[in-house]
Amino acid sequence: MTSQGRKAKPAKSLRASISFPPEVYGELEKLAAAKKVSLAWIVREATEKYLADQWPLLAERR
């Protein structure tokens, strides 16, 4: 609860605009289609794995 007695709102996802070389974007689209998920899901999943590899202690807090 907040100091005013209301429940805190859950954190929202933030939006980012990312540019990829055309060949990378094409491969991401193919991968997303093959897995039947969105391209955004592929990028989020890859980012989470990268962060876990780079900073293992951060991954433990999730």
PDB file of N, CA and C in Angstrom:
ATOM      1  N   MET A   1       0.832  -1.185   0.000  1.00  0.00           N
ATOM      2  CA  MET A   1       0.000   0.000   0.000  1.00  0.00           C
ATOM      3  C   MET A   1       0.875   1.245   0.000  1.00  0.00           C
ATOM      4  N   THR A   2       0.383   2.289  -0.616  1.00  0.00           N
ATOM      5  CA  THR A   2       1.102   3.552  -0.629  1.00  0.00           C
ATOM      6  C   THR A   2       0.827   4.293   0.662  1.00  0.00           C
ATOM      7  N   SER A   3       1.494   5.404   0.835  1.00  0.00           N
ATOM      8  CA  SER A   3       1.306   6.181   2.059  1.00  0.00           C
ATOM      9  C   SER A   3      -0.109   6.733   2.171  1.00  0.00           C
ATOM     10  N   GLN A   4      -0.866   6.759   1.065  1.00  0.00           N
ATOM     11  CA  GLN A   4      -2.229   7.265   1.078  1.00  0.00           C
ATOM     12  C   GLN A   4      -3.245   6.127   1.186  1.00  0.00           C
ATOM     13  N   GLY A   5      -2.799   4.909   1.475  1.00  0.00           N
ATOM     14  CA  GLY A   5      -3.693   3.799   1.692  1.00  0.00           C
ATOM     15  C   GLY A   5      -4.169   3.091   0.432  1.00  0.00           C
ATOM     16  N   ARG A   6      -3.627   3.441  -0.719  1.00  0.00           N
ATOM     17  CA  ARG A   6      -4.004   2.783  -1.972  1.00  0.00           C
ATOM     18  C   ARG A   6      -2.947   1.757  -2.333  1.00  0.00           C
ATOM     19  N   LYS A   7      -3.375   0.739  -3.047  1.00  0.00           N
ATOM     20  CA  LYS A   7      -2.413  -0.256  -3.525  1.00  0.00           C
ATOM     21  C   LYS A   7      -1.554   0.360  -4.615  1.00  0.00           C
ATOM     22  N   ALA A   8      -0.285   0.033  -4.600  1.00  0.00           N
ATOM     23  CA  ALA A   8       0.630   0.516  -5.639  1.00  0.00           C
ATOM     24  C   ALA A   8       0.312  -0.200  -6.948  1.00  0.00           C
ATOM     25  N   LYS A   9       0.397   0.506  -8.053  1.00  0.00           N
ATOM     26  CA  LYS A   9       0.178  -0.083  -9.366  1.00  0.00           C
ATOM     27  C   LYS A   9       1.394  -0.917  -9.750  1.00  0.00           C
ATOM     28  N   PRO A  10       1.168  -2.059 -10.411  1.00  0.00           N
ATOM     29  CA  PRO A  10       2.322  -2.852 -10.868  1.00  0.00           C
ATOM     30  C   PRO A  10       3.109  -2.063 -11.917  1.00  0.00           C
ATOM     31  N   ALA A  11       4.386  -2.316 -11.971  1.00  0.00           N
ATOM     32  CA  ALA A  11       5.248  -1.618 -12.933  1.00  0.00           C
ATOM     33  C   ALA A  11       4.818  -1.950 -14.356  1.00  0.00           C
ATOM     34  N   LYS A  12       4.779  -0.936 -15.201  1.00  0.00           N
ATOM     35  CA  LYS A  12       4.433  -1.137 -16.607  1.00  0.00           C
ATOM     36  C   LYS A  12       5.696  -1.442 -17.401  1.00  0.00           C
ATOM     37  N   SER A  13       5.512  -2.078 -18.513  1.00  0.00           N
ATOM     38  CA  SER A  13       6.627  -2.267 -19.439  1.00  0.00           C
ATOM     39  C   SER A  13       6.907  -0.936 -20.115  1.00  0.00           C
ATOM     40  N   LEU A  14       8.153  -0.717 -20.423  1.00  0.00           N
ATOM     41  CA  LEU A  14       8.552   0.491 -21.136  1.00  0.00           C
ATOM     42  C   LEU A  14       8.763   0.146 -22.601  1.00  0.00           C
ATOM     43  N   ARG A  15       8.496   1.093 -23.455  1.00  0.00           N
ATOM     44  CA  ARG A  15       8.630   0.887 -24.891  1.00  0.00           C
ATOM     45  C   ARG A  15       9.970   1.452 -25.356  1.00  0.00           C
ATOM     46  N   ALA A  16      10.616   0.735 -26.276  1.00  0.00           N
ATOM     47  CA  ALA A  16      11.887   1.181 -26.850  1.00  0.00           C
ATOM     48  C   ALA A  16      11.826   1.017 -28.367  1.00  0.00           C
ATOM     49  N   SER A  17      12.479   1.893 -29.053  1.00  0.00           N
ATOM     50  CA  SER A  17      12.590   1.792 -30.501  1.00  0.00           C
ATOM     51  C   SER A  17      14.008   1.343 -30.821  1.00  0.00           C
ATOM     52  N   ILE A  18      14.126   0.226 -31.516  1.00  0.00           N
ATOM     53  CA  ILE A  18      15.438  -0.364 -31.797  1.00  0.00           C
ATOM     54  C   ILE A  18      15.573  -0.563 -33.299  1.00  0.00           C
ATOM     55  N   SER A  19      16.724  -0.204 -33.836  1.00  0.00           N
ATOM     56  CA  SER A  19      16.987  -0.403 -35.269  1.00  0.00           C
ATOM     57  C   SER A  19      17.913  -1.606 -35.450  1.00  0.00           C
ATOM     58  N   PHE A  20      17.613  -2.417 -36.457  1.00  0.00           N
ATOM     59  CA  PHE A  20      18.424  -3.575 -36.803  1.00  0.00           C
ATOM     60  C   PHE A  20      18.831  -3.480 -38.263  1.00  0.00           C
ATOM     61  N   PRO A  21      19.979  -4.032 -38.612  1.00  0.00           N
ATOM     62  CA  PRO A  21      20.303  -4.163 -40.034  1.00  0.00           C
ATOM     63  C   PRO A  21      19.230  -5.038 -40.682  1.00  0.00           C
ATOM     64  N   PRO A  22      18.908  -4.794 -41.959  1.00  0.00           N
ATOM     65  CA  PRO A  22      17.832  -5.551 -42.613  1.00  0.00           C
ATOM     66  C   PRO A  22      17.981  -7.068 -42.522  1.00  0.00           C
ATOM     67  N   GLU A  23      19.198  -7.584 -42.648  1.00  0.00           N
ATOM     68  CA  GLU A  23      19.371  -9.040 -42.606  1.00  0.00           C
ATOM     69  C   GLU A  23      19.091  -9.595 -41.208  1.00  0.00           C
ATOM     70  N   VAL A  24      19.442  -8.857 -40.168  1.00  0.00           N
ATOM     71  CA  VAL A  24      19.157  -9.292 -38.788  1.00  0.00           C
ATOM     72  C   VAL A  24      17.653  -9.260 -38.545  1.00  0.00           C
ATOM     73  N   TYR A  25      17.012  -8.180 -38.960  1.00  0.00           N
ATOM     74  CA  TYR A  25      15.561  -8.067 -38.783  1.00  0.00           C
ATOM     75  C   TYR A  25      14.840  -9.205 -39.509  1.00  0.00           C
ATOM     76  N   GLY A  26      15.286  -9.520 -40.703  1.00  0.00           N
ATOM     77  CA  GLY A  26      14.681 -10.616 -41.452  1.00  0.00           C
ATOM     78  C   GLY A  26      14.797 -11.945 -40.723  1.00  0.00           C
ATOM     79  N   GLU A  27      15.963 -12.206 -40.149  1.00  0.00           N
ATOM     80  CA  GLU A  27      16.156 -13.457 -39.400  1.00  0.00           C
ATOM     81  C   GLU A  27      15.284 -13.476 -38.144  1.00  0.00           C
ATOM     82  N   LEU A  28      15.147 -12.336 -37.483  1.00  0.00           N
ATOM     83  CA  LEU A  28      14.285 -12.270 -36.300  1.00  0.00           C
ATOM     84  C   LEU A  28      12.826 -12.538 -36.678  1.00  0.00           C
ATOM     85  N   GLU A  29      12.393 -11.995 -37.810  1.00  0.00           N
ATOM     86  CA  GLU A  29      11.026 -12.250 -38.282  1.00  0.00           C
ATOM     87  C   GLU A  29      10.809 -13.732 -38.566  1.00  0.00           C
ATOM     88  N   LYS A  30      11.781 -14.370 -39.221  1.00  0.00           N
ATOM     89  CA  LYS A  30      11.673 -15.804 -39.524  1.00  0.00           C
ATOM     90  C   LYS A  30      11.603 -16.625 -38.238  1.00  0.00           C
ATOM     91  N   LEU A  31      12.451 -16.291 -37.279  1.00  0.00           N
ATOM     92  CA  LEU A  31      12.476 -17.011 -36.010  1.00  0.00           C
ATOM     93  C   LEU A  31      11.153 -16.852 -35.270  1.00  0.00           C
ATOM     94  N   ALA A  32      10.640 -15.634 -35.237  1.00  0.00           N
ATOM     95  CA  ALA A  32       9.360 -15.381 -34.571  1.00  0.00           C
ATOM     96  C   ALA A  32       8.238 -16.171 -35.238  1.00  0.00           C
ATOM     97  N   ALA A  33       8.216 -16.180 -36.555  1.00  0.00           N
ATOM     98  CA  ALA A  33       7.178 -16.920 -37.279  1.00  0.00           C
ATOM     99  C   ALA A  33       7.286 -18.420 -37.005  1.00  0.00           C
ATOM    100  N   ALA A  34       8.504 -18.932 -36.993  1.00  0.00           N
ATOM    101  CA  ALA A  34       8.713 -20.363 -36.749  1.00  0.00           C
ATOM    102  C   ALA A  34       8.269 -20.760 -35.346  1.00  0.00           C
ATOM    103  N   LYS A  35       8.486 -19.880 -34.379  1.00  0.00           N
ATOM    104  CA  LYS A  35       8.109 -20.167 -32.989  1.00  0.00           C
ATOM    105  C   LYS A  35       6.678 -19.746 -32.677  1.00  0.00           C
ATOM    106  N   LYS A  36       6.032 -19.069 -33.637  1.00  0.00           N
ATOM    107  CA  LYS A  36       4.661 -18.572 -33.470  1.00  0.00           C
ATOM    108  C   LYS A  36       4.554 -17.614 -32.280  1.00  0.00           C
ATOM    109  N   VAL A  37       5.515 -16.696 -32.218  1.00  0.00           N
ATOM    110  CA  VAL A  37       5.512 -15.628 -31.215  1.00  0.00           C
ATOM    111  C   VAL A  37       5.802 -14.311 -31.936  1.00  0.00           C
ATOM    112  N   SER A  38       5.694 -13.221 -31.216  1.00  0.00           N
ATOM    113  CA  SER A  38       5.983 -11.921 -31.822  1.00  0.00           C
ATOM    114  C   SER A  38       7.486 -11.678 -31.882  1.00  0.00           C
ATOM    115  N   LEU A  39       7.867 -10.798 -32.778  1.00  0.00           N
ATOM    116  CA  LEU A  39       9.261 -10.394 -32.855  1.00  0.00           C
ATOM    117  C   LEU A  39       9.675  -9.732 -31.537  1.00  0.00           C
ATOM    118  N   ALA A  40       8.781  -8.965 -30.935  1.00  0.00           N
ATOM    119  CA  ALA A  40       9.064  -8.327 -29.645  1.00  0.00           C
ATOM    120  C   ALA A  40       9.375  -9.375 -28.576  1.00  0.00           C
ATOM    121  N   TRP A  41       8.643 -10.507 -28.596  1.00  0.00           N
ATOM    122  CA  TRP A  41       8.893 -11.565 -27.625  1.00  0.00           C
ATOM    123  C   TRP A  41      10.302 -12.118 -27.798  1.00  0.00           C
ATOM    124  N   ILE A  42      10.711 -12.327 -29.049  1.00  0.00           N
ATOM    125  CA  ILE A  42      12.054 -12.837 -29.339  1.00  0.00           C
ATOM    126  C   ILE A  42      13.109 -11.886 -28.778  1.00  0.00           C
ATOM    127  N   VAL A  43      12.937 -10.589 -29.018  1.00  0.00           N
ATOM    128  CA  VAL A  43      13.914  -9.592 -28.556  1.00  0.00           C
ATOM    129  C   VAL A  43      13.935  -9.533 -27.021  1.00  0.00           C
ATOM    130  N   ARG A  44      12.770  -9.569 -26.379  1.00  0.00           N
ATOM    131  CA  ARG A  44      12.738  -9.552 -24.908  1.00  0.00           C
ATOM    132  C   ARG A  44      13.422 -10.786 -24.340  1.00  0.00           C
ATOM    133  N   GLU A  45      13.117 -11.950 -24.904  1.00  0.00           N
ATOM    134  CA  GLU A  45      13.720 -13.202 -24.425  1.00  0.00           C
ATOM    135  C   GLU A  45      15.240 -13.169 -24.577  1.00  0.00           C
ATOM    136  N   ALA A  46      15.715 -12.720 -25.733  1.00  0.00           N
ATOM    137  CA  ALA A  46      17.159 -12.639 -25.969  1.00  0.00           C
ATOM    138  C   ALA A  46      17.810 -11.659 -25.008  1.00  0.00           C
ATOM    139  N   THR A  47      17.153 -10.553 -24.742  1.00  0.00           N
ATOM    140  CA  THR A  47      17.698  -9.548 -23.835  1.00  0.00           C
ATOM    141  C   THR A  47      17.782 -10.096 -22.413  1.00  0.00           C
ATOM    142  N   GLU A  48      16.741 -10.781 -21.966  1.00  0.00           N
ATOM    143  CA  GLU A  48      16.769 -11.366 -20.621  1.00  0.00           C
ATOM    144  C   GLU A  48      17.890 -12.388 -20.482  1.00  0.00           C
ATOM    145  N   LYS A  49      18.088 -13.211 -21.514  1.00  0.00           N
ATOM    146  CA  LYS A  49      19.172 -14.197 -21.467  1.00  0.00           C
ATOM    147  C   LYS A  49      20.537 -13.508 -21.457  1.00  0.00           C
ATOM    148  N   TYR A  50      20.684 -12.462 -22.244  1.00  0.00           N
ATOM    149  CA  TYR A  50      21.943 -11.708 -22.274  1.00  0.00           C
ATOM    150  C   TYR A  50      22.233 -11.113 -20.901  1.00  0.00           C
ATOM    151  N   LEU A  51      21.238 -10.501 -20.296  1.00  0.00           N
ATOM    152  CA  LEU A  51      21.433  -9.903 -18.972  1.00  0.00           C
ATOM    153  C   LEU A  51      21.784 -10.966 -17.933  1.00  0.00           C
ATOM    154  N   ALA A  52      21.130 -12.112 -17.983  1.00  0.00           N
ATOM    155  CA  ALA A  52      21.426 -13.193 -17.044  1.00  0.00           C
ATOM    156  C   ALA A  52      22.853 -13.694 -17.220  1.00  0.00           C
ATOM    157  N   ASP A  53      23.331 -13.750 -18.463  1.00  0.00           N
ATOM    158  CA  ASP A  53      24.705 -14.184 -18.726  1.00  0.00           C
ATOM    159  C   ASP A  53      25.718 -13.150 -18.246  1.00  0.00           C
ATOM    160  N   GLN A  54      25.403 -11.882 -18.435  1.00  0.00           N
ATOM    161  CA  GLN A  54      26.333 -10.812 -18.077  1.00  0.00           C
ATOM    162  C   GLN A  54      26.335 -10.499 -16.586  1.00  0.00           C
ATOM    163  N   TRP A  55      25.173 -10.560 -15.974  1.00  0.00           N
ATOM    164  CA  TRP A  55      25.025 -10.229 -14.561  1.00  0.00           C
ATOM    165  C   TRP A  55      24.179 -11.281 -13.865  1.00  0.00           C
ATOM    166  N   PRO A  56      24.784 -12.423 -13.533  1.00  0.00           N
ATOM    167  CA  PRO A  56      24.028 -13.530 -12.936  1.00  0.00           C
ATOM    168  C   PRO A  56      23.275 -13.146 -11.646  1.00  0.00           C
ATOM    169  N   LEU A  57      23.813 -12.238 -10.852  1.00  0.00           N
ATOM    170  CA  LEU A  57      23.140 -11.853  -9.615  1.00  0.00           C
ATOM    171  C   LEU A  57      21.832 -11.134  -9.906  1.00  0.00           C
ATOM    172  N   LEU A  58      21.754 -10.408 -11.006  1.00  0.00           N
ATOM    173  CA  LEU A  58      20.516  -9.749 -11.395  1.00  0.00           C
ATOM    174  C   LEU A  58      19.446 -10.781 -11.725  1.00  0.00           C
ATOM    175  N   ALA A  59      19.819 -11.861 -12.377  1.00  0.00           N
ATOM    176  CA  ALA A  59      18.881 -12.914 -12.749  1.00  0.00           C
ATOM    177  C   ALA A  59      18.316 -13.616 -11.512  1.00  0.00           C
ATOM    178  N   GLU A  60      19.107 -13.717 -10.435  1.00  0.00           N
ATOM    179  CA  GLU A  60      18.651 -14.378  -9.223  1.00  0.00           C
ATOM    180  C   GLU A  60      17.526 -13.620  -8.532  1.00  0.00           C
ATOM    181  N   ARG A  61      17.451 -12.303  -8.746  1.00  0.00           N
ATOM    182  CA  ARG A  61      16.434 -11.498  -8.079  1.00  0.00           C
ATOM    183  C   ARG A  61      15.072 -11.626  -8.741  1.00  0.00           C
ATOM    184  N   ARG A  62      14.987 -12.189  -9.922  1.00  0.00           N
ATOM    185  CA  ARG A  62      13.716 -12.280 -10.645  1.00  0.00           C
ATOM    186  C   ARG A  62      12.847 -13.354 -10.102  1.00  0.00           C
TER     187      ARG A  62
END
